[in-house]
Amino acid sequence: MRLKSGIWVAAYLRRCNIEGAFAAVRRRGAEEAGAVFIKINRLDGTAVLYGPAAQSAFDETRPADRMFTAMLGGNKPVAEADVEARLTKEVRFDPDVWIVEVEDRAARNFLDGNVVA
């Protein structure tokens, strides 16, 4: 059984803050099962966006883990405006999404290896 989105986001925020990065919820989604998007703001006009991985990326040995994929800027950060445009589209498609923004010049994502290509 997977953690509720609200609990997962609270734990993620705490982890970011412990590591010295500022993180905040920009948009609250569905408490039970809203999709979570993570925007890593590099504070230089660029950003990276992580979103839910496709169902085929899930590992049967860890079914409760949330898996993410780099949607924009995986290997090379993109303009922050591009990330914002994508988030706007995601909110229009699903109004129950969560958006968490992390400010970190080193672009650390704190997703603990739960990122798939």
C-alpha atoms as a PDB file:
ATOM      1  CA  MET A   1       0.000   0.000   0.000  1.00  0.00           C
ATOM      2  CA  ARG A   2       1.351   3.404  -0.981  1.00  0.00           C
ATOM      3  CA  LEU A   3       1.498   6.385   1.390  1.00  0.00           C
ATOM      4  CA  LYS A   4      -1.139   9.050   0.900  1.00  0.00           C
ATOM      5  CA  SER A   5       0.119  11.963  -1.162  1.00  0.00           C
ATOM      6  CA  GLY A   6      -0.252  14.432   1.704  1.00  0.00           C
ATOM      7  CA  ILE A   7       1.896  12.321   4.035  1.00  0.00           C
ATOM      8  CA  TRP A   8       4.525  11.691   1.343  1.00  0.00           C
ATOM      9  CA  VAL A   9       4.786  15.410   0.541  1.00  0.00           C
ATOM     10  CA  ALA A  10       5.141  16.327   4.228  1.00  0.00           C
ATOM     11  CA  ALA A  11       7.994  13.833   4.624  1.00  0.00           C
ATOM     12  CA  TYR A  12       9.647  15.057   1.416  1.00  0.00           C
ATOM     13  CA  LEU A  13       9.520  18.693   2.579  1.00  0.00           C
ATOM     14  CA  ARG A  14      11.104  17.725   5.868  1.00  0.00           C
ATOM     15  CA  ARG A  15      13.870  15.813   4.071  1.00  0.00           C
ATOM     16  CA  CYS A  16      14.674  18.784   1.820  1.00  0.00           C
ATOM     17  CA  ASN A  17      14.771  21.190   4.731  1.00  0.00           C
ATOM     18  CA  ILE A  18      17.022  18.861   6.762  1.00  0.00           C
ATOM     19  CA  GLU A  19      19.446  18.771   3.823  1.00  0.00           C
ATOM     20  CA  GLY A  20      19.537  22.583   3.749  1.00  0.00           C
ATOM     21  CA  ALA A  21      17.333  23.218   0.717  1.00  0.00           C
ATOM     22  CA  PHE A  22      14.222  25.385   0.919  1.00  0.00           C
ATOM     23  CA  ALA A  23      11.117  23.472  -0.190  1.00  0.00           C
ATOM     24  CA  ALA A  24       7.454  24.462  -0.153  1.00  0.00           C
ATOM     25  CA  VAL A  25       4.101  23.239  -1.419  1.00  0.00           C
ATOM     26  CA  ARG A  26       2.968  25.504  -4.231  1.00  0.00           C
ATOM     27  CA  ARG A  27      -0.245  23.629  -4.884  1.00  0.00           C
ATOM     28  CA  ARG A  28      -2.108  21.180  -2.689  1.00  0.00           C
ATOM     29  CA  GLY A  29      -3.657  18.307  -4.530  1.00  0.00           C
ATOM     30  CA  ALA A  30      -5.868  15.415  -3.545  1.00  0.00           C
ATOM     31  CA  GLU A  31      -4.844  14.279  -0.069  1.00  0.00           C
ATOM     32  CA  GLU A  32      -5.322  10.592  -0.803  1.00  0.00           C
ATOM     33  CA  ALA A  33      -3.801   9.989  -4.221  1.00  0.00           C
ATOM     34  CA  GLY A  34      -2.978  13.202  -6.086  1.00  0.00           C
ATOM     35  CA  ALA A  35      -0.031  13.037  -8.481  1.00  0.00           C
ATOM     36  CA  VAL A  36       3.100  14.792  -7.178  1.00  0.00           C
ATOM     37  CA  PHE A  37       5.309  17.025  -9.333  1.00  0.00           C
ATOM     38  CA  ILE A  38       8.664  18.254  -8.035  1.00  0.00           C
ATOM     39  CA  LYS A  39      10.168  21.441  -9.486  1.00  0.00           C
ATOM     40  CA  ILE A  40      13.843  21.955  -8.697  1.00  0.00           C
ATOM     41  CA  ASN A  41      14.528  25.679  -9.036  1.00  0.00           C
ATOM     42  CA  ARG A  42      18.272  26.265  -9.542  1.00  0.00           C
ATOM     43  CA  LEU A  43      17.900  29.977  -8.698  1.00  0.00           C
ATOM     44  CA  ASP A  44      19.585  30.990 -11.958  1.00  0.00           C
ATOM     45  CA  GLY A  45      16.538  31.075 -14.247  1.00  0.00           C
ATOM     46  CA  THR A  46      16.671  27.331 -14.944  1.00  0.00           C
ATOM     47  CA  ALA A  47      14.827  24.403 -13.439  1.00  0.00           C
ATOM     48  CA  VAL A  48      14.235  20.653 -13.596  1.00  0.00           C
ATOM     49  CA  LEU A  49      10.795  19.033 -13.382  1.00  0.00           C
ATOM     50  CA  TYR A  50      10.125  15.559 -12.008  1.00  0.00           C
ATOM     51  CA  GLY A  51       6.742  13.900 -12.330  1.00  0.00           C
ATOM     52  CA  PRO A  52       5.160  10.503 -11.771  1.00  0.00           C
ATOM     53  CA  ALA A  53       6.817   7.692 -13.707  1.00  0.00           C
ATOM     54  CA  ALA A  54       4.809   5.502 -16.045  1.00  0.00           C
ATOM     55  CA  GLN A  55       3.263   2.432 -14.424  1.00  0.00           C
ATOM     56  CA  SER A  56       5.614   0.186 -16.406  1.00  0.00           C
ATOM     57  CA  ALA A  57       8.579   1.652 -14.474  1.00  0.00           C
ATOM     58  CA  PHE A  58       7.458   0.283 -11.112  1.00  0.00           C
ATOM     59  CA  ASP A  59       9.484  -2.437  -9.457  1.00  0.00           C
ATOM     60  CA  GLU A  60       7.443  -5.360  -8.134  1.00  0.00           C
ATOM     61  CA  THR A  61       9.818  -5.710  -5.178  1.00  0.00           C
ATOM     62  CA  ARG A  62       9.012  -2.142  -4.044  1.00  0.00           C
ATOM     63  CA  PRO A  63       5.347  -1.636  -4.969  1.00  0.00           C
ATOM     64  CA  ALA A  64       4.726   1.068  -2.342  1.00  0.00           C
ATOM     65  CA  ASP A  65       7.468   3.426  -3.572  1.00  0.00           C
ATOM     66  CA  ARG A  66       6.641   6.513  -5.575  1.00  0.00           C
ATOM     67  CA  MET A  67       8.688   6.539  -8.747  1.00  0.00           C
ATOM     68  CA  PHE A  68       9.538   9.706 -10.679  1.00  0.00           C
ATOM     69  CA  THR A  69      10.904  10.590 -14.078  1.00  0.00           C
ATOM     70  CA  ALA A  70      12.602  13.759 -15.239  1.00  0.00           C
ATOM     71  CA  MET A  71       9.944  15.365 -17.412  1.00  0.00           C
ATOM     72  CA  LEU A  72      11.957  18.474 -18.307  1.00  0.00           C
ATOM     73  CA  GLY A  73      15.630  19.201 -17.820  1.00  0.00           C
ATOM     74  CA  GLY A  74      16.830  15.763 -16.743  1.00  0.00           C
ATOM     75  CA  ASN A  75      20.453  15.992 -17.871  1.00  0.00           C
ATOM     76  CA  LYS A  76      20.471  19.700 -18.629  1.00  0.00           C
ATOM     77  CA  PRO A  77      18.284  22.265 -16.849  1.00  0.00           C
ATOM     78  CA  VAL A  78      15.729  24.121 -18.957  1.00  0.00           C
ATOM     79  CA  ALA A  79      14.328  27.636 -18.727  1.00  0.00           C
ATOM     80  CA  GLU A  80      12.119  28.069 -15.696  1.00  0.00           C
ATOM     81  CA  ALA A  81       9.352  29.423 -17.951  1.00  0.00           C
ATOM     82  CA  ASP A  82       9.245  26.074 -19.788  1.00  0.00           C
ATOM     83  CA  VAL A  83       8.731  24.230 -16.506  1.00  0.00           C
ATOM     84  CA  GLU A  84       5.969  26.651 -15.502  1.00  0.00           C
ATOM     85  CA  ALA A  85       4.208  26.167 -18.844  1.00  0.00           C
ATOM     86  CA  ARG A  86       4.302  22.376 -18.379  1.00  0.00           C
ATOM     87  CA  LEU A  87       2.949  22.654 -14.833  1.00  0.00           C
ATOM     88  CA  THR A  88       0.086  24.821 -16.098  1.00  0.00           C
ATOM     89  CA  LYS A  89      -0.825  22.094 -18.601  1.00  0.00           C
ATOM     90  CA  GLU A  90      -0.654  19.400 -15.914  1.00  0.00           C
ATOM     91  CA  VAL A  91      -2.993  21.371 -13.624  1.00  0.00           C
ATOM     92  CA  ARG A  92      -5.477  21.853 -16.478  1.00  0.00           C
ATOM     93  CA  PHE A  93      -5.369  18.115 -17.204  1.00  0.00           C
ATOM     94  CA  ASP A  94      -5.662  17.042 -13.547  1.00  0.00           C
ATOM     95  CA  PRO A  95      -6.662  19.649 -10.938  1.00  0.00           C
ATOM     96  CA  ASP A  96      -5.779  17.212  -8.107  1.00  0.00           C
ATOM     97  CA  VAL A  97      -1.995  17.416  -8.622  1.00  0.00           C
ATOM     98  CA  TRP A  98       0.498  18.492  -5.989  1.00  0.00           C
ATOM     99  CA  ILE A  99       3.324  20.863  -6.921  1.00  0.00           C
ATOM    100  CA  VAL A 100       6.357  21.047  -4.659  1.00  0.00           C
ATOM    101  CA  GLU A 101       9.114  23.547  -5.405  1.00  0.00           C
ATOM    102  CA  VAL A 102      12.649  23.048  -4.120  1.00  0.00           C
ATOM    103  CA  GLU A 103      15.219  25.842  -4.317  1.00  0.00           C
ATOM    104  CA  ASP A 104      18.691  24.356  -4.629  1.00  0.00           C
ATOM    105  CA  ARG A 105      21.593  25.690  -6.714  1.00  0.00           C
ATOM    106  CA  ALA A 106      23.094  22.178  -6.928  1.00  0.00           C
ATOM    107  CA  ALA A 107      19.781  20.814  -8.354  1.00  0.00           C
ATOM    108  CA  ARG A 108      19.588  18.011  -5.770  1.00  0.00           C
ATOM    109  CA  ASN A 109      16.228  16.250  -6.016  1.00  0.00           C
ATOM    110  CA  PHE A 110      16.227  14.255  -2.725  1.00  0.00           C
ATOM    111  CA  LEU A 111      14.207  11.448  -4.361  1.00  0.00           C
ATOM    112  CA  ASP A 112      16.544   8.728  -3.054  1.00  0.00           C
ATOM    113  CA  GLY A 113      17.063   6.757  -6.239  1.00  0.00           C
ATOM    114  CA  ASN A 114      13.364   6.675  -7.131  1.00  0.00           C
ATOM    115  CA  VAL A 115      13.993   8.347 -10.504  1.00  0.00           C
ATOM    116  CA  VAL A 116      13.730   6.243 -13.651  1.00  0.00           C
ATOM    117  CA  ALA A 117      14.904   7.187 -17.114  1.00  0.00           C
END
